[in-house]
PDB file of N, CA and C in Angstrom:
ATOM      1  N   MET A   1    -203.970  72.709  60.315  1.00  0.00           N
ATOM      2  CA  MET A   1    -203.997  74.085  59.861  1.00  0.00           C
ATOM      3  C   MET A   1    -203.217  74.283  58.561  1.00  0.00           C
ATOM      4  N   SER A   2    -202.298  73.388  58.279  1.00  0.00           N
ATOM      5  CA  SER A   2    -201.520  73.563  57.054  1.00  0.00           C
ATOM      6  C   SER A   2    -202.398  73.466  55.813  1.00  0.00           C
ATOM      7  N   CYS A   3    -203.516  72.770  55.899  1.00  0.00           N
ATOM      8  CA  CYS A   3    -204.438  72.693  54.768  1.00  0.00           C
ATOM      9  C   CYS A   3    -205.005  74.067  54.426  1.00  0.00           C
ATOM     10  N   ILE A   4    -205.290  74.854  55.454  1.00  0.00           N
ATOM     11  CA  ILE A   4    -205.820  76.196  55.235  1.00  0.00           C
ATOM     12  C   ILE A   4    -204.783  77.067  54.539  1.00  0.00           C
ATOM     13  N   GLN A   5    -203.525  76.885  54.914  1.00  0.00           N
ATOM     14  CA  GLN A   5    -202.463  77.693  54.321  1.00  0.00           C
ATOM     15  C   GLN A   5    -202.233  77.349  52.854  1.00  0.00           C
ATOM     16  N   SER A   6    -202.616  76.145  52.443  1.00  0.00           N
ATOM     17  CA  SER A   6    -202.359  75.737  51.064  1.00  0.00           C
ATOM     18  C   SER A   6    -203.471  76.167  50.104  1.00  0.00           C
ATOM     19  N   VAL A   7    -204.458  76.922  50.586  1.00  0.00           N
ATOM     20  CA  VAL A   7    -205.523  77.418  49.708  1.00  0.00           C
ATOM     21  C   VAL A   7    -204.896  78.297  48.634  1.00  0.00           C
ATOM     22  N   ARG A   8    -205.246  78.015  47.397  1.00  0.00           N
ATOM     23  CA  ARG A   8    -204.649  78.750  46.277  1.00  0.00           C
ATOM     24  C   ARG A   8    -205.155  80.183  46.220  1.00  0.00           C
ATOM     25  N   GLN A   9    -204.253  81.036  45.830  1.00  0.00           N
ATOM     26  CA  GLN A   9    -204.579  82.443  45.644  1.00  0.00           C
ATOM     27  C   GLN A   9    -205.291  82.593  44.300  1.00  0.00           C
ATOM     28  N   LYS A  10    -206.266  83.489  44.238  1.00  0.00           N
ATOM     29  CA  LYS A  10    -206.956  83.743  42.973  1.00  0.00           C
ATOM     30  C   LYS A  10    -205.947  84.283  41.965  1.00  0.00           C
ATOM     31  N   PRO A  11    -206.136  83.936  40.698  1.00  0.00           N
ATOM     32  CA  PRO A  11    -205.218  84.480  39.691  1.00  0.00           C
ATOM     33  C   PRO A  11    -205.428  85.989  39.548  1.00  0.00           C
ATOM     34  N   LEU A  12    -204.407  86.652  39.059  1.00  0.00           N
ATOM     35  CA  LEU A  12    -204.525  88.074  38.760  1.00  0.00           C
ATOM     36  C   LEU A  12    -205.634  88.264  37.730  1.00  0.00           C
ATOM     37  N   GLU A  13    -206.331  89.369  37.819  1.00  0.00           N
ATOM     38  CA  GLU A  13    -207.416  89.667  36.876  1.00  0.00           C
ATOM     39  C   GLU A  13    -206.850  89.791  35.454  1.00  0.00           C
ATOM     40  N   ILE A  14    -207.688  89.496  34.475  1.00  0.00           N
ATOM     41  CA  ILE A  14    -207.273  89.560  33.071  1.00  0.00           C
ATOM     42  C   ILE A  14    -206.730  90.946  32.730  1.00  0.00           C
ATOM     43  N   ASN A  15    -207.391  91.994  33.184  1.00  0.00           N
ATOM     44  CA  ASN A  15    -206.939  93.346  32.873  1.00  0.00           C
ATOM     45  C   ASN A  15    -205.541  93.613  33.445  1.00  0.00           C
ATOM     46  N   THR A  16    -205.281  93.101  34.633  1.00  0.00           N
ATOM     47  CA  THR A  16    -203.960  93.253  35.247  1.00  0.00           C
ATOM     48  C   THR A  16    -202.928  92.446  34.468  1.00  0.00           C
ATOM     49  N   MET A  17    -203.271  91.204  34.149  1.00  0.00           N
ATOM     50  CA  MET A  17    -202.362  90.335  33.397  1.00  0.00           C
ATOM     51  C   MET A  17    -202.023  90.948  32.042  1.00  0.00           C
ATOM     52  N   LYS A  18    -203.024  91.545  31.405  1.00  0.00           N
ATOM     53  CA  LYS A  18    -202.818  92.166  30.088  1.00  0.00           C
ATOM     54  C   LYS A  18    -201.700  93.199  30.158  1.00  0.00           C
ATOM     55  N   GLY A  19    -201.755  94.069  31.150  1.00  0.00           N
ATOM     56  CA  GLY A  19    -200.738  95.108  31.296  1.00  0.00           C
ATOM     57  C   GLY A  19    -199.365  94.546  31.587  1.00  0.00           C
ATOM     58  N   ILE A  20    -199.313  93.515  32.407  1.00  0.00           N
ATOM     59  CA  ILE A  20    -198.023  92.903  32.744  1.00  0.00           C
ATOM     60  C   ILE A  20    -197.432  92.223  31.515  1.00  0.00           C
ATOM     61  N   ILE A  21    -198.259  91.455  30.808  1.00  0.00           N
ATOM     62  CA  ILE A  21    -197.777  90.764  29.600  1.00  0.00           C
ATOM     63  C   ILE A  21    -197.278  91.780  28.575  1.00  0.00           C
ATOM     64  N   TRP A  22    -198.015  92.867  28.392  1.00  0.00           N
ATOM     65  CA  TRP A  22    -197.613  93.910  27.449  1.00  0.00           C
ATOM     66  C   TRP A  22    -196.242  94.469  27.846  1.00  0.00           C
ATOM     67  N   ASP A  23    -196.066  94.766  29.128  1.00  0.00           N
ATOM     68  CA  ASP A  23    -194.786  95.305  29.589  1.00  0.00           C
ATOM     69  C   ASP A  23    -193.660  94.280  29.468  1.00  0.00           C
ATOM     70  N   LEU A  24    -193.960  92.999  29.694  1.00  0.00           N
ATOM     71  CA  LEU A  24    -192.947  91.954  29.525  1.00  0.00           C
ATOM     72  C   LEU A  24    -192.548  91.835  28.054  1.00  0.00           C
ATOM     73  N   MET A  25    -193.525  91.969  27.168  1.00  0.00           N
ATOM     74  CA  MET A  25    -193.220  91.928  25.734  1.00  0.00           C
ATOM     75  C   MET A  25    -192.308  93.094  25.349  1.00  0.00           C
ATOM     76  N   LYS A  26    -192.619  94.287  25.863  1.00  0.00           N
ATOM     77  CA  LYS A  26    -191.778  95.454  25.565  1.00  0.00           C
ATOM     78  C   LYS A  26    -190.375  95.252  26.143  1.00  0.00           C
ATOM     79  N   ALA A  27    -190.290  94.690  27.347  1.00  0.00           N
ATOM     80  CA  ALA A  27    -188.984  94.424  27.959  1.00  0.00           C
ATOM     81  C   ALA A  27    -188.196  93.419  27.119  1.00  0.00           C
ATOM     82  N   GLY A  28    -188.884  92.426  26.583  1.00  0.00           N
ATOM     83  CA  GLY A  28    -188.234  91.439  25.720  1.00  0.00           C
ATOM     84  C   GLY A  28    -187.690  92.069  24.450  1.00  0.00           C
ATOM     85  N   GLU A  29    -188.469  92.957  23.855  1.00  0.00           N
ATOM     86  CA  GLU A  29    -188.010  93.672  22.659  1.00  0.00           C
ATOM     87  C   GLU A  29    -186.804  94.544  22.982  1.00  0.00           C
ATOM     88  N   TRP A  30    -186.872  95.228  24.106  1.00  0.00           N
ATOM     89  CA  TRP A  30    -185.760  96.089  24.538  1.00  0.00           C
ATOM     90  C   TRP A  30    -184.514  95.246  24.732  1.00  0.00           C
ATOM     91  N   HIS A  31    -184.681  94.063  25.339  1.00  0.00           N
ATOM     92  CA  HIS A  31    -183.541  93.175  25.568  1.00  0.00           C
ATOM     93  C   HIS A  31    -182.905  92.766  24.238  1.00  0.00           C
ATOM     94  N   LEU A  32    -183.734  92.472  23.237  1.00  0.00           N
ATOM     95  CA  LEU A  32    -183.187  92.108  21.925  1.00  0.00           C
ATOM     96  C   LEU A  32    -182.370  93.256  21.334  1.00  0.00           C
ATOM     97  N   LEU A  33    -182.837  94.487  21.517  1.00  0.00           N
ATOM     98  CA  LEU A  33    -182.076  95.647  21.037  1.00  0.00           C
ATOM     99  C   LEU A  33    -180.760  95.788  21.786  1.00  0.00           C
ATOM    100  N   ILE A  34    -180.800  95.540  23.091  1.00  0.00           N
ATOM    101  CA  ILE A  34    -179.583  95.657  23.909  1.00  0.00           C
ATOM    102  C   ILE A  34    -178.545  94.637  23.469  1.00  0.00           C
ATOM    103  N   ILE A  35    -178.955  93.355  23.319  1.00  0.00           N
ATOM    104  CA  ILE A  35    -177.954  92.338  22.975  1.00  0.00           C
ATOM    105  C   ILE A  35    -177.462  92.490  21.540  1.00  0.00           C
ATOM    106  N   ALA A  36    -178.241  93.133  20.691  1.00  0.00           N
ATOM    107  CA  ALA A  36    -177.776  93.392  19.327  1.00  0.00           C
ATOM    108  C   ALA A  36    -176.611  94.384  19.351  1.00  0.00           C
ATOM    109  N   LYS A  37    -176.613  95.281  20.341  1.00  0.00           N
ATOM    110  CA  LYS A  37    -175.568  96.299  20.449  1.00  0.00           C
ATOM    111  C   LYS A  37    -174.467  95.922  21.435  1.00  0.00           C
ATOM    112  N   ASP A  38    -174.790  95.052  22.390  1.00  0.00           N
ATOM    113  CA  ASP A  38    -173.860  94.732  23.472  1.00  0.00           C
ATOM    114  C   ASP A  38    -173.908  93.234  23.751  1.00  0.00           C
ATOM    115  N   SER A  39    -172.940  92.498  23.235  1.00  0.00           N
ATOM    116  CA  SER A  39    -172.955  91.042  23.372  1.00  0.00           C
ATOM    117  C   SER A  39    -172.777  90.579  24.817  1.00  0.00           C
ATOM    118  N   THR A  40    -172.298  91.437  25.698  1.00  0.00           N
ATOM    119  CA  THR A  40    -172.125  91.024  27.100  1.00  0.00           C
ATOM    120  C   THR A  40    -173.442  91.071  27.874  1.00  0.00           C
ATOM    121  N   ALA A  41    -174.488  91.676  27.307  1.00  0.00           N
ATOM    122  CA  ALA A  41    -175.786  91.784  27.999  1.00  0.00           C
ATOM    123  C   ALA A  41    -176.368  90.415  28.310  1.00  0.00           C
ATOM    124  N   ARG A  42    -176.161  89.463  27.404  1.00  0.00           N
ATOM    125  CA  ARG A  42    -176.689  88.109  27.625  1.00  0.00           C
ATOM    126  C   ARG A  42    -176.033  87.489  28.855  1.00  0.00           C
ATOM    127  N   LYS A  43    -174.715  87.674  28.975  1.00  0.00           N
ATOM    128  CA  LYS A  43    -173.991  87.121  30.117  1.00  0.00           C
ATOM    129  C   LYS A  43    -174.421  87.780  31.425  1.00  0.00           C
ATOM    130  N   ARG A  44    -174.790  89.061  31.359  1.00  0.00           N
ATOM    131  CA  ARG A  44    -175.211  89.793  32.563  1.00  0.00           C
ATOM    132  C   ARG A  44    -176.667  89.506  32.915  1.00  0.00           C
ATOM    133  N   LYS A  45    -177.327  88.673  32.097  1.00  0.00           N
ATOM    134  CA  LYS A  45    -178.737  88.339  32.307  1.00  0.00           C
ATOM    135  C   LYS A  45    -179.597  89.600  32.400  1.00  0.00           C
ATOM    136  N   GLU A  46    -179.380  90.466  31.434  1.00  0.00           N
ATOM    137  CA  GLU A  46    -180.108  91.740  31.378  1.00  0.00           C
ATOM    138  C   GLU A  46    -181.612  91.518  31.263  1.00  0.00           C
ATOM    139  N   ASP A  47    -182.020  90.435  30.580  1.00  0.00           N
ATOM    140  CA  ASP A  47    -183.447  90.158  30.440  1.00  0.00           C
ATOM    141  C   ASP A  47    -184.101  89.875  31.789  1.00  0.00           C
ATOM    142  N   VAL A  48    -183.407  89.146  32.644  1.00  0.00           N
ATOM    143  CA  VAL A  48    -183.940  88.845  33.977  1.00  0.00           C
ATOM    144  C   VAL A  48    -184.131  90.133  34.762  1.00  0.00           C
ATOM    145  N   ARG A  49    -183.171  91.039  34.675  1.00  0.00           N
ATOM    146  CA  ARG A  49    -183.262  92.320  35.375  1.00  0.00           C
ATOM    147  C   ARG A  49    -184.457  93.133  34.859  1.00  0.00           C
ATOM    148  N   LEU A  50    -184.636  93.157  33.560  1.00  0.00           N
ATOM    149  CA  LEU A  50    -185.758  93.895  32.974  1.00  0.00           C
ATOM    150  C   LEU A  50    -187.098  93.308  33.417  1.00  0.00           C
ATOM    151  N   TYR A  51    -187.202  91.979  33.413  1.00  0.00           N
ATOM    152  CA  TYR A  51    -188.448  91.342  33.837  1.00  0.00           C
ATOM    153  C   TYR A  51    -188.722  91.607  35.316  1.00  0.00           C
ATOM    154  N   GLN A  52    -187.683  91.581  36.131  1.00  0.00           N
ATOM    155  CA  GLN A  52    -187.853  91.884  37.556  1.00  0.00           C
ATOM    156  C   GLN A  52    -188.381  93.306  37.741  1.00  0.00           C
ATOM    157  N   GLN A  53    -187.907  94.212  36.906  1.00  0.00           N
ATOM    158  CA  GLN A  53    -188.394  95.592  36.978  1.00  0.00           C
ATOM    159  C   GLN A  53    -189.883  95.664  36.631  1.00  0.00           C
ATOM    160  N   VAL A  54    -190.305  94.916  35.632  1.00  0.00           N
ATOM    161  CA  VAL A  54    -191.720  94.900  35.247  1.00  0.00           C
ATOM    162  C   VAL A  54    -192.564  94.403  36.424  1.00  0.00           C
ATOM    163  N   PHE A  55    -192.135  93.304  37.044  1.00  0.00           N
ATOM    164  CA  PHE A  55    -192.891  92.778  38.183  1.00  0.00           C
ATOM    165  C   PHE A  55    -192.935  93.800  39.320  1.00  0.00           C
ATOM    166  N   ALA A  56    -191.827  94.483  39.557  1.00  0.00           N
ATOM    167  CA  ALA A  56    -191.780  95.495  40.625  1.00  0.00           C
ATOM    168  C   ALA A  56    -192.717  96.653  40.323  1.00  0.00           C
ATOM    169  N   VAL A  57    -192.730  97.129  39.086  1.00  0.00           N
ATOM    170  CA  VAL A  57    -193.607  98.231  38.695  1.00  0.00           C
ATOM    171  C   VAL A  57    -195.072  97.865  38.940  1.00  0.00           C
ATOM    172  N   HIS A  58    -195.409  96.604  38.684  1.00  0.00           N
ATOM    173  CA  HIS A  58    -196.791  96.154  38.849  1.00  0.00           C
ATOM    174  C   HIS A  58    -197.087  95.681  40.276  1.00  0.00           C
ATOM    175  N   GLY A  59    -196.069  95.717  41.138  1.00  0.00           N
ATOM    176  CA  GLY A  59    -196.270  95.362  42.538  1.00  0.00           C
ATOM    177  C   GLY A  59    -196.581  93.898  42.783  1.00  0.00           C
ATOM    178  N   ILE A  60    -195.989  93.035  41.950  1.00  0.00           N
ATOM    179  CA  ILE A  60    -196.204  91.598  42.120  1.00  0.00           C
ATOM    180  C   ILE A  60    -194.859  90.884  42.106  1.00  0.00           C
ATOM    181  N   THR A  61    -194.891  89.614  42.451  1.00  0.00           N
ATOM    182  CA  THR A  61    -193.686  88.798  42.369  1.00  0.00           C
ATOM    183  C   THR A  61    -193.714  87.990  41.076  1.00  0.00           C
ATOM    184  N   LYS A  62    -192.560  87.529  40.687  1.00  0.00           N
ATOM    185  CA  LYS A  62    -192.452  86.657  39.516  1.00  0.00           C
ATOM    186  C   LYS A  62    -193.338  85.427  39.725  1.00  0.00           C
ATOM    187  N   GLN A  63    -193.307  84.866  40.929  1.00  0.00           N
ATOM    188  CA  GLN A  63    -194.100  83.673  41.243  1.00  0.00           C
ATOM    189  C   GLN A  63    -195.589  83.936  41.088  1.00  0.00           C
ATOM    190  N   ARG A  64    -196.040  85.095  41.547  1.00  0.00           N
ATOM    191  CA  ARG A  64    -197.467  85.462  41.453  1.00  0.00           C
ATOM    192  C   ARG A  64    -197.890  85.542  39.984  1.00  0.00           C
ATOM    193  N   PHE A  65    -197.035  86.154  39.155  1.00  0.00           N
ATOM    194  CA  PHE A  65    -197.351  86.253  37.727  1.00  0.00           C
ATOM    195  C   PHE A  65    -197.441  84.865  37.103  1.00  0.00           C
ATOM    196  N   TYR A  66    -196.413  84.037  37.331  1.00  0.00           N
ATOM    197  CA  TYR A  66    -196.390  82.734  36.683  1.00  0.00           C
ATOM    198  C   TYR A  66    -197.476  81.802  37.214  1.00  0.00           C
ATOM    199  N   ASP A  67    -197.842  81.913  38.482  1.00  0.00           N
ATOM    200  CA  ASP A  67    -198.967  81.129  38.995  1.00  0.00           C
ATOM    201  C   ASP A  67    -200.249  81.521  38.273  1.00  0.00           C
ATOM    202  N   SER A  68    -200.441  82.809  38.076  1.00  0.00           N
ATOM    203  CA  SER A  68    -201.628  83.289  37.358  1.00  0.00           C
ATOM    204  C   SER A  68    -201.586  82.839  35.903  1.00  0.00           C
ATOM    205  N   TYR A  69    -200.426  82.946  35.280  1.00  0.00           N
ATOM    206  CA  TYR A  69    -200.293  82.553  33.883  1.00  0.00           C
ATOM    207  C   TYR A  69    -200.625  81.064  33.710  1.00  0.00           C
ATOM    208  N   LYS A  70    -200.118  80.239  34.633  1.00  0.00           N
ATOM    209  CA  LYS A  70    -200.402  78.800  34.577  1.00  0.00           C
ATOM    210  C   LYS A  70    -201.901  78.539  34.741  1.00  0.00           C
ATOM    211  N   TYR A  71    -202.555  79.299  35.597  1.00  0.00           N
ATOM    212  CA  TYR A  71    -203.997  79.170  35.769  1.00  0.00           C
ATOM    213  C   TYR A  71    -204.692  79.415  34.428  1.00  0.00           C
ATOM    214  N   TYR A  72    -204.333  80.510  33.764  1.00  0.00           N
ATOM    215  CA  TYR A  72    -204.991  80.833  32.494  1.00  0.00           C
ATOM    216  C   TYR A  72    -204.677  79.786  31.430  1.00  0.00           C
ATOM    217  N   GLU A  73    -203.460  79.280  31.412  1.00  0.00           N
ATOM    218  CA  GLU A  73    -203.122  78.220  30.449  1.00  0.00           C
ATOM    219  C   GLU A  73    -203.983  76.975  30.666  1.00  0.00           C
ATOM    220  N   ALA A  74    -204.320  76.709  31.918  1.00  0.00           N
ATOM    221  CA  ALA A  74    -205.120  75.526  32.254  1.00  0.00           C
ATOM    222  C   ALA A  74    -206.613  75.746  32.011  1.00  0.00           C
ATOM    223  N   HIS A  75    -207.004  76.972  31.693  1.00  0.00           N
ATOM    224  CA  HIS A  75    -208.409  77.314  31.436  1.00  0.00           C
ATOM    225  C   HIS A  75    -208.494  77.979  30.060  1.00  0.00           C
ATOM    226  N   PRO A  76    -208.614  77.170  29.010  1.00  0.00           N
ATOM    227  CA  PRO A  76    -208.520  77.667  27.626  1.00  0.00           C
ATOM    228  C   PRO A  76    -209.447  78.834  27.271  1.00  0.00           C
ATOM    229  N   VAL A  77    -210.668  78.836  27.757  1.00  0.00           N
ATOM    230  CA  VAL A  77    -211.587  79.928  27.418  1.00  0.00           C
ATOM    231  C   VAL A  77    -211.067  81.238  27.996  1.00  0.00           C
ATOM    232  N   GLU A  78    -210.675  81.210  29.263  1.00  0.00           N
ATOM    233  CA  GLU A  78    -210.155  82.417  29.894  1.00  0.00           C
ATOM    234  C   GLU A  78    -208.801  82.824  29.284  1.00  0.00           C
ATOM    235  N   PHE A  79    -207.996  81.815  28.906  1.00  0.00           N
ATOM    236  CA  PHE A  79    -206.701  82.112  28.290  1.00  0.00           C
ATOM    237  C   PHE A  79    -206.905  82.830  26.958  1.00  0.00           C
ATOM    238  N   LYS A  80    -207.880  82.390  26.186  1.00  0.00           N
ATOM    239  CA  LYS A  80    -208.166  83.044  24.902  1.00  0.00           C
ATOM    240  C   LYS A  80    -208.599  84.494  25.127  1.00  0.00           C
ATOM    241  N   ILE A  81    -209.430  84.714  26.144  1.00  0.00           N
ATOM    242  CA  ILE A  81    -209.855  86.078  26.462  1.00  0.00           C
ATOM    243  C   ILE A  81    -208.637  86.928  26.817  1.00  0.00           C
ATOM    244  N   LEU A  82    -207.730  86.371  27.607  1.00  0.00           N
ATOM    245  CA  LEU A  82    -206.510  87.090  27.992  1.00  0.00           C
ATOM    246  C   LEU A  82    -205.671  87.429  26.762  1.00  0.00           C
ATOM    247  N   ILE A  83    -205.436  86.448  25.920  1.00  0.00           N
ATOM    248  CA  ILE A  83    -204.589  86.666  24.734  1.00  0.00           C
ATOM    249  C   ILE A  83    -205.249  87.653  23.777  1.00  0.00           C
ATOM    250  N   ASP A  84    -206.545  87.530  23.579  1.00  0.00           N
ATOM    251  CA  ASP A  84    -207.262  88.490  22.733  1.00  0.00           C
ATOM    252  C   ASP A  84    -207.172  89.896  23.307  1.00  0.00           C
ATOM    253  N   SER A  85    -207.256  89.989  24.620  1.00  0.00           N
ATOM    254  CA  SER A  85    -207.162  91.274  25.302  1.00  0.00           C
ATOM    255  C   SER A  85    -205.787  91.907  25.085  1.00  0.00           C
ATOM    256  N   VAL A  86    -204.739  91.100  25.194  1.00  0.00           N
ATOM    257  CA  VAL A  86    -203.379  91.591  24.959  1.00  0.00           C
ATOM    258  C   VAL A  86    -203.241  92.047  23.510  1.00  0.00           C
ATOM    259  N   ASP A  87    -203.805  91.272  22.588  1.00  0.00           N
ATOM    260  CA  ASP A  87    -203.730  91.613  21.168  1.00  0.00           C
ATOM    261  C   ASP A  87    -204.436  92.944  20.880  1.00  0.00           C
ATOM    262  N   LEU A  88    -205.638  93.122  21.411  1.00  0.00           N
ATOM    263  CA  LEU A  88    -206.370  94.377  21.210  1.00  0.00           C
ATOM    264  C   LEU A  88    -205.613  95.555  21.815  1.00  0.00           C
ATOM    265  N   PHE A  89    -205.072  95.352  23.005  1.00  0.00           N
ATOM    266  CA  PHE A  89    -204.309  96.396  23.679  1.00  0.00           C
ATOM    267  C   PHE A  89    -203.084  96.770  22.842  1.00  0.00           C
ATOM    268  N   SER A  90    -202.416  95.766  22.327  1.00  0.00           N
ATOM    269  CA  SER A  90    -201.241  95.972  21.483  1.00  0.00           C
ATOM    270  C   SER A  90    -201.592  96.788  20.243  1.00  0.00           C
ATOM    271  N   ASN A  91    -202.690  96.433  19.598  1.00  0.00           N
ATOM    272  CA  ASN A  91    -203.119  97.169  18.405  1.00  0.00           C
ATOM    273  C   ASN A  91    -203.447  98.626  18.723  1.00  0.00           C
ATOM    274  N   ARG A  92    -204.098  98.857  19.879  1.00  0.00           N
ATOM    275  CA  ARG A  92    -204.413 100.239  20.291  1.00  0.00           C
ATOM    276  C   ARG A  92    -203.139 101.026  20.554  1.00  0.00           C
ATOM    277  N   GLU A  93    -202.184 100.403  21.232  1.00  0.00           N
ATOM    278  CA  GLU A  93    -200.929 101.089  21.544  1.00  0.00           C
ATOM    279  C   GLU A  93    -200.154 101.417  20.267  1.00  0.00           C
ATOM    280  N   LYS A  94    -200.137 100.482  19.327  1.00  0.00           N
ATOM    281  CA  LYS A  94    -199.454 100.722  18.048  1.00  0.00           C
ATOM    282  C   LYS A  94    -200.134 101.858  17.296  1.00  0.00           C
ATOM    283  N   SER A  95    -201.460 101.881  17.312  1.00  0.00           N
ATOM    284  CA  SER A  95    -202.202 102.951  16.636  1.00  0.00           C
ATOM    285  C   SER A  95    -201.859 104.311  17.236  1.00  0.00           C
ATOM    286  N   LYS A  96    -201.812 104.372  18.566  1.00  0.00           N
ATOM    287  CA  LYS A  96    -201.449 105.626  19.244  1.00  0.00           C
ATOM    288  C   LYS A  96    -200.054 106.076  18.823  1.00  0.00           C
ATOM    289  N   LEU A  97    -199.133 105.118  18.742  1.00  0.00           N
ATOM    290  CA  LEU A  97    -197.762 105.423  18.368  1.00  0.00           C
ATOM    291  C   LEU A  97    -197.704 105.966  16.945  1.00  0.00           C
ATOM    292  N   PHE A  98    -198.392 105.298  16.022  1.00  0.00           N
ATOM    293  CA  PHE A  98    -198.392 105.765  14.634  1.00  0.00           C
ATOM    294  C   PHE A  98    -199.066 107.115  14.491  1.00  0.00           C
ATOM    295  N   GLU A  99    -200.140 107.328  15.230  1.00  0.00           N
ATOM    296  CA  GLU A  99    -200.826 108.616  15.183  1.00  0.00           C
ATOM    297  C   GLU A  99    -199.930 109.743  15.689  1.00  0.00           C
ATOM    298  N   SER A 100    -199.237 109.491  16.779  1.00  0.00           N
ATOM    299  CA  SER A 100    -198.373 110.536  17.342  1.00  0.00           C
ATOM    300  C   SER A 100    -197.190 110.827  16.425  1.00  0.00           C
ATOM    301  N   HIS A 101    -196.680 109.816  15.734  1.00  0.00           N
ATOM    302  CA  HIS A 101    -195.580 110.048  14.791  1.00  0.00           C
ATOM    303  C   HIS A 101    -196.088 110.727  13.528  1.00  0.00           C
ATOM    304  N   GLY A 102    -197.295 110.415  13.116  1.00  0.00           N
ATOM    305  CA  GLY A 102    -197.883 111.039  11.934  1.00  0.00           C
ATOM    306  C   GLY A 102    -198.161 112.525  12.164  1.00  0.00           C
ATOM    307  N   GLN A 103    -198.522 112.891  13.384  1.00  0.00           N
ATOM    308  CA  GLN A 103    -198.820 114.272  13.699  1.00  0.00           C
ATOM    309  C   GLN A 103    -197.548 115.097  13.830  1.00  0.00           C
ATOM    310  N   ALA A 104    -196.456 114.438  14.148  1.00  0.00           N
ATOM    311  CA  ALA A 104    -195.190 115.162  14.336  1.00  0.00           C
ATOM    312  C   ALA A 104    -194.599 115.624  13.015  1.00  0.00           C
ATOM    313  N   HIS A 105    -194.978 114.983  11.927  1.00  0.00           N
ATOM    314  CA  HIS A 105    -194.382 115.332  10.613  1.00  0.00           C
ATOM    315  C   HIS A 105    -195.209 116.333   9.881  1.00  0.00           C
TER     316      HIS A 105
END
């Protein structure tokens, strides 16, 4: 029966991964801002806490994310689709941000 238990879980869908990666990127940027202002943040492993929050918001575990990420890395065509998807999403989000700031002035 242990063979049945070792069946691999399907990777997270590209659309789900896109949102998680985007949030992890934002958390990474936030962490860089924090350590620029507070040198003790690195010692407190603030980045780990931020990443854990991202996984919690998306209702997944760190292991689930990294298992899915490894799957996509091992499948170049799907990985390219994922990365392109993140890039397009990023460009849309930046456009929204610039538009909202342009309208405020």
